[in-house]
């Protein structure tokens, strides 16, 4: 194996590792503008009770309310929750809300103090640490970052 092929293999390995590290992935991809001049402004998630959702994300997770129409919609940092008015139950499967923490362990301990149900303690994940919980409508939330 030549030095050049070793160098290329090392670079490929570094890029692969970066792709699985959420913060590095976000930093790398945030720098590239969309060629169409568009960007994600918000993600809208349907809920059964906007006030209950607002209380959970504001009081339990600590996010300030950015905007709201009481009982209809509440926004936290580009994540919008709106009242479900469709037929049947809300389709909650296949969605994970990823939240970055400065310290996963500190976030875990504080959320437990606030009465948030967390089935498992933080564990190594994606080259960092993470734990999972669910919001009042059953949406999966992953809190991730350094230990």
Protein backbone atom coordinates (compact mmCIF):
# COMPACT_ATOMS: atom_id res chain seq x y z
CA UNK A 1 0.00 0.00 0.00
CA UNK A 2 1.40 3.40 -0.97
CA UNK A 3 1.42 6.55 1.17
CA UNK A 4 -1.11 8.08 -1.20
CA UNK A 5 -3.56 5.19 -0.81
CA UNK A 6 -3.09 5.27 2.98
CA UNK A 7 -3.78 8.99 3.00
CA UNK A 8 -6.90 8.54 0.86
CA UNK A 9 -8.12 5.68 3.06
CA UNK A 10 -7.59 7.85 6.16
CA UNK A 11 -9.48 10.75 4.59
CA UNK A 12 -12.35 8.44 3.64
CA UNK A 13 -12.48 7.08 7.18
CA UNK A 14 -12.50 10.61 8.63
CA UNK A 15 -15.35 11.65 6.33
CA UNK A 16 -17.31 8.53 7.26
CA UNK A 17 -16.82 9.22 10.97
CA UNK A 18 -17.87 12.84 10.47
CA UNK A 19 -21.08 11.74 8.76
CA UNK A 20 -22.09 9.88 11.92
CA UNK A 21 -21.18 12.70 14.33
CA UNK A 22 -24.31 14.92 14.50
CA UNK A 23 -22.57 18.22 15.30
CA UNK A 24 -19.86 17.75 12.66
CA UNK A 25 -22.50 16.67 10.16
CA UNK A 26 -24.62 19.77 10.89
CA UNK A 27 -21.63 22.14 10.69
CA UNK A 28 -20.46 20.59 7.42
CA UNK A 29 -23.88 20.70 5.80
CA UNK A 30 -24.94 24.10 7.16
CA UNK A 31 -22.13 25.79 5.23
CA UNK A 32 -23.42 24.72 1.81
CA UNK A 33 -26.26 26.94 0.54
CA UNK A 34 -29.10 25.35 -1.37
CA UNK A 35 -28.59 26.01 -5.11
CA UNK A 36 -32.29 26.87 -5.46
CA UNK A 37 -32.03 29.50 -2.73
CA UNK A 38 -34.39 27.66 -0.39
CA UNK A 39 -33.98 26.43 3.18
CA UNK A 40 -36.06 24.66 5.80
CA UNK A 41 -37.90 27.34 7.76
CA UNK A 42 -39.88 25.12 10.09
CA UNK A 43 -41.21 21.63 10.68
CA UNK A 44 -44.88 21.38 11.57
CA UNK A 45 -45.98 18.51 13.80
CA UNK A 46 -49.61 17.74 14.55
CA UNK A 47 -50.69 17.33 18.19
CA UNK A 48 -53.97 16.63 19.97
CA UNK A 49 -53.62 19.36 22.62
CA UNK A 50 -51.54 22.46 21.82
CA UNK A 51 -51.61 23.77 25.40
CA UNK A 52 -50.37 20.44 26.81
CA UNK A 53 -47.61 20.36 24.18
CA UNK A 54 -46.66 23.96 24.97
CA UNK A 55 -46.42 23.15 28.68
CA UNK A 56 -44.20 20.11 28.00
CA UNK A 57 -41.72 21.81 25.64
CA UNK A 58 -41.67 25.08 27.63
CA UNK A 59 -41.85 23.85 31.24
CA UNK A 60 -40.18 20.43 31.02
CA UNK A 61 -37.65 20.93 28.20
CA UNK A 62 -37.10 24.67 28.79
CA UNK A 63 -37.73 26.00 25.27
CA UNK A 64 -39.07 29.58 25.11
CA UNK A 65 -42.22 30.08 23.05
CA UNK A 66 -41.27 31.94 19.84
CA UNK A 67 -44.81 32.43 18.54
CA UNK A 68 -48.29 31.09 19.20
CA UNK A 69 -51.96 31.21 18.42
CA UNK A 70 -53.44 29.89 21.69
CA UNK A 71 -55.07 26.49 21.28
CA UNK A 72 -54.17 26.35 17.57
CA UNK A 73 -50.37 26.54 17.12
CA UNK A 74 -47.21 27.03 19.17
CA UNK A 75 -43.66 27.53 17.82
CA UNK A 76 -40.32 26.76 19.46
CA UNK A 77 -37.18 27.62 17.41
CA UNK A 78 -38.61 26.59 14.04
CA UNK A 79 -40.50 23.58 15.38
CA UNK A 80 -44.24 24.22 15.05
CA UNK A 81 -46.92 22.21 16.80
CA UNK A 82 -50.45 22.60 15.49
CA UNK A 83 -53.80 21.18 16.57
CA UNK A 84 -54.69 17.98 14.72
CA UNK A 85 -58.07 18.40 13.04
CA UNK A 86 -57.89 15.37 10.76
CA UNK A 87 -59.84 12.15 11.02
CA UNK A 88 -58.57 9.38 13.29
CA UNK A 89 -55.43 9.37 15.37
CA UNK A 90 -52.29 11.38 14.64
CA UNK A 91 -49.65 9.44 12.68
CA UNK A 92 -46.65 9.76 15.07
CA UNK A 93 -44.43 6.93 13.80
CA UNK A 94 -41.19 7.50 11.93
CA UNK A 95 -40.39 10.87 13.50
CA UNK A 96 -37.56 11.59 15.92
CA UNK A 97 -36.94 15.12 17.18
CA UNK A 98 -33.20 15.52 17.79
CA UNK A 99 -32.20 17.98 20.51
CA UNK A 100 -28.59 18.91 21.22
CA UNK A 101 -27.41 19.26 24.83
CA UNK A 102 -24.23 20.87 26.19
CA UNK A 103 -24.15 18.01 28.72
CA UNK A 104 -26.36 14.96 28.20
CA UNK A 105 -25.88 13.84 31.79
CA UNK A 106 -26.90 17.26 33.18
CA UNK A 107 -29.94 17.40 30.86
CA UNK A 108 -30.95 13.87 31.91
CA UNK A 109 -30.70 14.70 35.62
CA UNK A 110 -32.65 17.97 35.24
CA UNK A 111 -35.41 16.35 33.16
CA UNK A 112 -35.77 13.55 35.74
CA UNK A 113 -36.13 16.25 38.46
CA UNK A 114 -38.86 17.86 36.35
CA UNK A 115 -40.78 14.59 36.25
CA UNK A 116 -40.10 13.63 32.63
CA UNK A 117 -40.42 9.89 32.05
CA UNK A 118 -37.15 8.59 30.56
CA UNK A 119 -37.00 4.81 30.06
CA UNK A 120 -33.21 4.44 29.87
CA UNK A 121 -30.24 6.49 31.11
CA UNK A 122 -27.78 8.13 28.70
CA UNK A 123 -25.62 5.74 26.69
CA UNK A 124 -22.93 6.07 24.00
CA UNK A 125 -24.48 6.84 20.59
CA UNK A 126 -23.20 8.40 17.35
CA UNK A 127 -19.80 9.11 18.92
CA UNK A 128 -21.50 11.09 21.72
CA UNK A 129 -24.04 10.24 24.41
CA UNK A 130 -27.83 10.17 24.07
CA UNK A 131 -31.10 9.19 25.69
CA UNK A 132 -34.65 8.95 24.41
CA UNK A 133 -38.01 10.11 25.72
CA UNK A 134 -41.48 10.76 24.31
CA UNK A 135 -43.55 13.92 24.27
CA UNK A 136 -47.25 13.93 25.29
CA UNK A 137 -48.37 12.87 21.78
CA UNK A 138 -45.86 10.00 21.59
CA UNK A 139 -43.25 11.68 19.38
CA UNK A 140 -39.78 10.30 20.05
CA UNK A 141 -37.19 12.82 21.29
CA UNK A 142 -33.46 12.10 21.31
CA UNK A 143 -31.30 14.28 23.55
CA UNK A 144 -27.70 14.01 22.34
CA UNK A 145 -24.30 15.58 22.88
CA UNK A 146 -21.19 15.28 25.06
CA UNK A 147 -21.49 13.37 28.31
